[in-house]
PDB file of N, CA and C in Angstrom:
ATOM      1  N   UNK A   1       0.933  -0.956  -0.250  1.00  0.00           N
ATOM      2  CA  UNK A   1      -0.116   0.208   0.186  1.00  0.00           C
ATOM      3  C   UNK A   1       1.100   0.948  -0.149  1.00  0.00           C
ATOM      4  N   UNK A   2       0.256   2.504  -0.860  1.00  0.00           N
ATOM      5  CA  UNK A   2       1.416   3.484  -0.894  1.00  0.00           C
ATOM      6  C   UNK A   2       1.171   4.259   0.641  1.00  0.00           C
ATOM      7  N   UNK A   3       2.542   4.940   0.771  1.00  0.00           N
ATOM      8  CA  UNK A   3       2.546   5.540   2.028  1.00  0.00           C
ATOM      9  C   UNK A   3       2.113   7.196   1.937  1.00  0.00           C
ATOM     10  N   UNK A   4       1.111   7.182   2.855  1.00  0.00           N
ATOM     11  CA  UNK A   4      -0.058   8.415   2.502  1.00  0.00           C
ATOM     12  C   UNK A   4       0.287   9.493   3.862  1.00  0.00           C
ATOM     13  N   UNK A   5       0.724  10.877   3.301  1.00  0.00           N
ATOM     14  CA  UNK A   5       0.692  11.189   4.495  1.00  0.00           C
ATOM     15  C   UNK A   5      -0.298  12.017   4.798  1.00  0.00           C
ATOM     16  N   UNK A   6      -0.557  13.039   6.376  1.00  0.00           N
ATOM     17  CA  UNK A   6      -1.721  13.577   6.587  1.00  0.00           C
ATOM     18  C   UNK A   6      -1.244  14.660   6.012  1.00  0.00           C
ATOM     19  N   UNK A   7      -0.755  15.424   5.029  1.00  0.00           N
ATOM     20  CA  UNK A   7      -0.341  16.372   4.445  1.00  0.00           C
ATOM     21  C   UNK A   7      -0.920  16.068   3.180  1.00  0.00           C
ATOM     22  N   UNK A   8      -0.869  15.245   2.629  1.00  0.00           N
ATOM     23  CA  UNK A   8      -1.012  14.633   1.428  1.00  0.00           C
ATOM     24  C   UNK A   8      -2.662  14.976   1.663  1.00  0.00           C
ATOM     25  N   UNK A   9      -3.201  14.000   2.279  1.00  0.00           N
ATOM     26  CA  UNK A   9      -4.790  13.996   2.829  1.00  0.00           C
ATOM     27  C   UNK A   9      -5.577  15.313   2.824  1.00  0.00           C
ATOM     28  N   UNK A  10      -4.335  16.463   3.484  1.00  0.00           N
ATOM     29  CA  UNK A  10      -5.397  17.386   3.522  1.00  0.00           C
ATOM     30  C   UNK A  10      -5.366  18.130   2.277  1.00  0.00           C
ATOM     31  N   UNK A  11      -4.517  18.520   1.672  1.00  0.00           N
ATOM     32  CA  UNK A  11      -3.875  18.762  -0.112  1.00  0.00           C
ATOM     33  C   UNK A  11      -5.510  18.159  -0.298  1.00  0.00           C
ATOM     34  N   UNK A  12      -5.585  17.180  -0.396  1.00  0.00           N
ATOM     35  CA  UNK A  12      -6.728  16.522  -1.468  1.00  0.00           C
ATOM     36  C   UNK A  12      -7.711  16.913  -0.798  1.00  0.00           C
ATOM     37  N   UNK A  13      -8.211  16.710   0.495  1.00  0.00           N
ATOM     38  CA  UNK A  13      -9.174  17.366   0.681  1.00  0.00           C
ATOM     39  C   UNK A  13      -9.358  18.779   0.627  1.00  0.00           C
ATOM     40  N   UNK A  14      -8.591  19.747   0.244  1.00  0.00           N
ATOM     41  CA  UNK A  14      -8.910  20.955   0.117  1.00  0.00           C
ATOM     42  C   UNK A  14      -9.369  21.418  -1.274  1.00  0.00           C
ATOM     43  N   UNK A  15      -8.711  20.315  -2.214  1.00  0.00           N
ATOM     44  CA  UNK A  15      -9.461  20.247  -3.445  1.00  0.00           C
ATOM     45  C   UNK A  15     -10.492  19.966  -4.098  1.00  0.00           C
ATOM     46  N   UNK A  16     -10.915  19.017  -3.704  1.00  0.00           N
ATOM     47  CA  UNK A  16     -12.144  18.571  -3.398  1.00  0.00           C
ATOM     48  C   UNK A  16     -13.136  19.856  -2.842  1.00  0.00           C
ATOM     49  N   UNK A  17     -13.469  20.201  -1.997  1.00  0.00           N
ATOM     50  CA  UNK A  17     -13.450  21.507  -1.058  1.00  0.00           C
ATOM     51  C   UNK A  17     -13.730  22.326  -2.229  1.00  0.00           C
ATOM     52  N   UNK A  18     -12.907  22.848  -2.740  1.00  0.00           N
ATOM     53  CA  UNK A  18     -12.710  23.987  -3.944  1.00  0.00           C
ATOM     54  C   UNK A  18     -13.586  23.163  -4.641  1.00  0.00           C
ATOM     55  N   UNK A  19     -13.714  22.531  -5.437  1.00  0.00           N
ATOM     56  CA  UNK A  19     -14.150  21.621  -6.305  1.00  0.00           C
ATOM     57  C   UNK A  19     -15.758  21.801  -6.107  1.00  0.00           C
ATOM     58  N   UNK A  20     -16.033  21.264  -5.156  1.00  0.00           N
ATOM     59  CA  UNK A  20     -17.347  21.428  -4.370  1.00  0.00           C
ATOM     60  C   UNK A  20     -18.103  22.902  -4.721  1.00  0.00           C
ATOM     61  N   UNK A  21     -16.770  23.846  -4.328  1.00  0.00           N
ATOM     62  CA  UNK A  21     -17.726  24.985  -4.220  1.00  0.00           C
ATOM     63  C   UNK A  21     -17.754  25.443  -5.275  1.00  0.00           C
ATOM     64  N   UNK A  22     -17.096  25.143  -5.590  1.00  0.00           N
ATOM     65  CA  UNK A  22     -17.224  25.869  -7.599  1.00  0.00           C
ATOM     66  C   UNK A  22     -18.369  25.239  -8.239  1.00  0.00           C
ATOM     67  N   UNK A  23     -18.844  24.030  -8.374  1.00  0.00           N
ATOM     68  CA  UNK A  23     -19.755  23.164  -8.498  1.00  0.00           C
ATOM     69  C   UNK A  23     -21.146  23.714  -8.089  1.00  0.00           C
ATOM     70  N   UNK A  24     -21.116  23.748  -6.876  1.00  0.00           N
ATOM     71  CA  UNK A  24     -22.677  24.634  -5.970  1.00  0.00           C
ATOM     72  C   UNK A  24     -22.345  25.733  -6.856  1.00  0.00           C
ATOM     73  N   UNK A  25     -21.399  26.829  -6.523  1.00  0.00           N
ATOM     74  CA  UNK A  25     -21.723  28.102  -7.348  1.00  0.00           C
ATOM     75  C   UNK A  25     -22.649  28.178  -8.849  1.00  0.00           C
ATOM     76  N   UNK A  26     -22.380  26.723  -9.580  1.00  0.00           N
ATOM     77  CA  UNK A  26     -22.653  26.939 -10.596  1.00  0.00           C
ATOM     78  C   UNK A  26     -24.288  26.570 -10.511  1.00  0.00           C
ATOM     79  N   UNK A  27     -24.338  25.841  -9.618  1.00  0.00           N
ATOM     80  CA  UNK A  27     -26.108  25.229  -9.442  1.00  0.00           C
ATOM     81  C   UNK A  27     -26.969  25.793  -8.909  1.00  0.00           C
ATOM     82  N   UNK A  28     -26.148  26.542  -7.535  1.00  0.00           N
ATOM     83  CA  UNK A  28     -26.914  27.167  -6.975  1.00  0.00           C
ATOM     84  C   UNK A  28     -27.052  29.095  -6.926  1.00  0.00           C
ATOM     85  N   UNK A  29     -27.231  29.532  -7.698  1.00  0.00           N
ATOM     86  CA  UNK A  29     -27.005  31.183  -7.934  1.00  0.00           C
ATOM     87  C   UNK A  29     -27.366  31.965  -6.600  1.00  0.00           C
ATOM     88  N   UNK A  30     -26.842  32.714  -6.375  1.00  0.00           N
ATOM     89  CA  UNK A  30     -26.403  33.389  -5.938  1.00  0.00           C
ATOM     90  C   UNK A  30     -27.766  34.444  -5.823  1.00  0.00           C
ATOM     91  N   UNK A  31     -28.351  34.437  -4.605  1.00  0.00           N
ATOM     92  CA  UNK A  31     -29.543  35.684  -4.418  1.00  0.00           C
ATOM     93  C   UNK A  31     -29.168  36.432  -3.544  1.00  0.00           C
ATOM     94  N   UNK A  32     -29.935  37.736  -4.170  1.00  0.00           N
ATOM     95  CA  UNK A  32     -29.316  39.153  -3.577  1.00  0.00           C
ATOM     96  C   UNK A  32     -30.683  39.472  -2.381  1.00  0.00           C
ATOM     97  N   UNK A  33     -30.085  39.523  -1.469  1.00  0.00           N
ATOM     98  CA  UNK A  33     -31.396  40.090  -0.512  1.00  0.00           C
ATOM     99  C   UNK A  33     -31.138  41.388   0.126  1.00  0.00           C
ATOM    100  N   UNK A  34     -32.296  41.976   0.478  1.00  0.00           N
ATOM    101  CA  UNK A  34     -32.388  43.004   1.050  1.00  0.00           C
ATOM    102  C   UNK A  34     -31.883  43.231   2.670  1.00  0.00           C
ATOM    103  N   UNK A  35     -31.445  44.517   2.786  1.00  0.00           N
ATOM    104  CA  UNK A  35     -30.698  44.349   3.966  1.00  0.00           C
ATOM    105  C   UNK A  35     -31.867  44.437   5.067  1.00  0.00           C
ATOM    106  N   UNK A  36     -33.447  44.403   5.303  1.00  0.00           N
ATOM    107  CA  UNK A  36     -34.059  43.912   5.802  1.00  0.00           C
ATOM    108  C   UNK A  36     -34.157  41.985   5.986  1.00  0.00           C
ATOM    109  N   UNK A  37     -34.026  42.003   5.040  1.00  0.00           N
ATOM    110  CA  UNK A  37     -34.004  40.181   4.860  1.00  0.00           C
ATOM    111  C   UNK A  37     -32.877  39.897   5.239  1.00  0.00           C
ATOM    112  N   UNK A  38     -31.614  40.473   5.371  1.00  0.00           N
ATOM    113  CA  UNK A  38     -30.610  39.925   5.504  1.00  0.00           C
ATOM    114  C   UNK A  38     -30.525  39.720   7.086  1.00  0.00           C
ATOM    115  N   UNK A  39     -30.980  41.231   8.032  1.00  0.00           N
ATOM    116  CA  UNK A  39     -31.401  41.198   9.070  1.00  0.00           C
ATOM    117  C   UNK A  39     -32.374  40.302   9.806  1.00  0.00           C
ATOM    118  N   UNK A  40     -33.376  39.955   8.963  1.00  0.00           N
ATOM    119  CA  UNK A  40     -34.148  38.983   9.560  1.00  0.00           C
ATOM    120  C   UNK A  40     -33.222  37.321   9.350  1.00  0.00           C
ATOM    121  N   UNK A  41     -32.385  37.178   8.585  1.00  0.00           N
ATOM    122  CA  UNK A  41     -32.054  35.865   8.734  1.00  0.00           C
ATOM    123  C   UNK A  41     -30.815  36.131   9.635  1.00  0.00           C
ATOM    124  N   UNK A  42     -30.200  37.194  10.047  1.00  0.00           N
ATOM    125  CA  UNK A  42     -29.621  36.953  11.110  1.00  0.00           C
ATOM    126  C   UNK A  42     -30.041  37.176  12.530  1.00  0.00           C
ATOM    127  N   UNK A  43     -31.151  37.330  12.653  1.00  0.00           N
ATOM    128  CA  UNK A  43     -31.930  37.264  13.643  1.00  0.00           C
ATOM    129  C   UNK A  43     -32.630  35.332  14.056  1.00  0.00           C
ATOM    130  N   UNK A  44     -32.681  35.194  13.225  1.00  0.00           N
ATOM    131  CA  UNK A  44     -33.011  33.542  12.720  1.00  0.00           C
ATOM    132  C   UNK A  44     -31.819  32.654  13.163  1.00  0.00           C
ATOM    133  N   UNK A  45     -30.726  33.135  12.908  1.00  0.00           N
ATOM    134  CA  UNK A  45     -29.235  32.502  12.859  1.00  0.00           C
ATOM    135  C   UNK A  45     -29.145  32.388  14.674  1.00  0.00           C
ATOM    136  N   UNK A  46     -28.926  33.499  15.137  1.00  0.00           N
ATOM    137  CA  UNK A  46     -29.111  34.229  16.330  1.00  0.00           C
ATOM    138  C   UNK A  46     -29.999  33.347  16.983  1.00  0.00           C
ATOM    139  N   UNK A  47     -31.330  33.080  17.101  1.00  0.00           N
ATOM    140  CA  UNK A  47     -32.564  32.612  17.809  1.00  0.00           C
ATOM    141  C   UNK A  47     -31.647  30.695  17.798  1.00  0.00           C
ATOM    142  N   UNK A  48     -31.184  30.452  16.542  1.00  0.00           N
ATOM    143  CA  UNK A  48     -30.822  28.965  16.363  1.00  0.00           C
ATOM    144  C   UNK A  48     -29.945  28.450  17.352  1.00  0.00           C
ATOM    145  N   UNK A  49     -28.694  29.459  17.164  1.00  0.00           N
ATOM    146  CA  UNK A  49     -27.433  29.259  18.049  1.00  0.00           C
ATOM    147  C   UNK A  49     -27.938  29.189  19.219  1.00  0.00           C
ATOM    148  N   UNK A  50     -28.715  29.801  19.766  1.00  0.00           N
ATOM    149  CA  UNK A  50     -29.261  30.456  21.237  1.00  0.00           C
ATOM    150  C   UNK A  50     -29.986  29.262  21.560  1.00  0.00           C
ATOM    151  N   UNK A  51     -30.472  28.036  20.616  1.00  0.00           N
ATOM    152  CA  UNK A  51     -30.905  27.866  21.237  1.00  0.00           C
ATOM    153  C   UNK A  51     -32.442  27.305  21.252  1.00  0.00           C
ATOM    154  N   UNK A  52     -32.858  28.631  20.231  1.00  0.00           N
ATOM    155  CA  UNK A  52     -34.464  29.040  20.504  1.00  0.00           C
ATOM    156  C   UNK A  52     -34.896  28.463  19.598  1.00  0.00           C
ATOM    157  N   UNK A  53     -35.995  28.495  19.171  1.00  0.00           N
ATOM    158  CA  UNK A  53     -36.855  28.079  17.942  1.00  0.00           C
ATOM    159  C   UNK A  53     -37.719  29.087  17.581  1.00  0.00           C
ATOM    160  N   UNK A  54     -37.883  28.569  16.326  1.00  0.00           N
ATOM    161  CA  UNK A  54     -39.369  29.584  15.628  1.00  0.00           C
ATOM    162  C   UNK A  54     -40.388  28.557  14.968  1.00  0.00           C
ATOM    163  N   UNK A  55     -41.270  29.141  15.009  1.00  0.00           N
ATOM    164  CA  UNK A  55     -42.954  28.565  14.540  1.00  0.00           C
ATOM    165  C   UNK A  55     -42.460  27.906  13.050  1.00  0.00           C
ATOM    166  N   UNK A  56     -43.246  26.669  12.833  1.00  0.00           N
ATOM    167  CA  UNK A  56     -43.448  26.664  11.620  1.00  0.00           C
ATOM    168  C   UNK A  56     -43.993  27.826  10.493  1.00  0.00           C
ATOM    169  N   UNK A  57     -45.426  27.994  11.189  1.00  0.00           N
ATOM    170  CA  UNK A  57     -45.560  29.419  10.451  1.00  0.00           C
ATOM    171  C   UNK A  57     -44.957  30.375   9.750  1.00  0.00           C
ATOM    172  N   UNK A  58     -43.958  30.721  11.068  1.00  0.00           N
ATOM    173  CA  UNK A  58     -42.851  31.724  10.917  1.00  0.00           C
ATOM    174  C   UNK A  58     -42.104  31.330   9.879  1.00  0.00           C
ATOM    175  N   UNK A  59     -41.156  30.057   9.720  1.00  0.00           N
ATOM    176  CA  UNK A  59     -40.584  29.526   9.167  1.00  0.00           C
ATOM    177  C   UNK A  59     -41.098  29.546   7.416  1.00  0.00           C
ATOM    178  N   UNK A  60     -42.220  28.908   7.359  1.00  0.00           N
ATOM    179  CA  UNK A  60     -43.057  29.191   6.220  1.00  0.00           C
ATOM    180  C   UNK A  60     -43.105  30.259   5.652  1.00  0.00           C
ATOM    181  N   UNK A  61     -43.055  31.281   6.453  1.00  0.00           N
ATOM    182  CA  UNK A  61     -43.796  32.603   5.663  1.00  0.00           C
ATOM    183  C   UNK A  61     -42.366  32.851   5.323  1.00  0.00           C
ATOM    184  N   UNK A  62     -41.150  32.790   5.828  1.00  0.00           N
ATOM    185  CA  UNK A  62     -39.944  33.443   5.534  1.00  0.00           C
ATOM    186  C   UNK A  62     -39.387  33.017   4.272  1.00  0.00           C
ATOM    187  N   UNK A  63     -39.731  31.638   3.641  1.00  0.00           N
ATOM    188  CA  UNK A  63     -39.469  31.029   2.673  1.00  0.00           C
ATOM    189  C   UNK A  63     -40.215  31.387   1.655  1.00  0.00           C
ATOM    190  N   UNK A  64     -41.356  31.466   1.998  1.00  0.00           N
ATOM    191  CA  UNK A  64     -42.510  32.171   0.576  1.00  0.00           C
ATOM    192  C   UNK A  64     -42.108  33.207   0.497  1.00  0.00           C
ATOM    193  N   UNK A  65     -41.675  33.968   0.973  1.00  0.00           N
ATOM    194  CA  UNK A  65     -40.956  35.363   0.093  1.00  0.00           C
ATOM    195  C   UNK A  65     -40.167  35.299  -1.125  1.00  0.00           C
TER     196      UNK A  65
END
């Protein structure tokens, strides 16, 4: 079996992550959002990080915009 170093594995992983990022950018175009929408998303992220939950109704209303 070939001698594989941790450095080689890390380089390969970085390469694969870069390729995945490029593929994702082609498949999922960037969406521009308003400052208000960005603030709302940040509020939701903070709630999730703090362990708070949002209602399904609130989630669906956000996703349907």
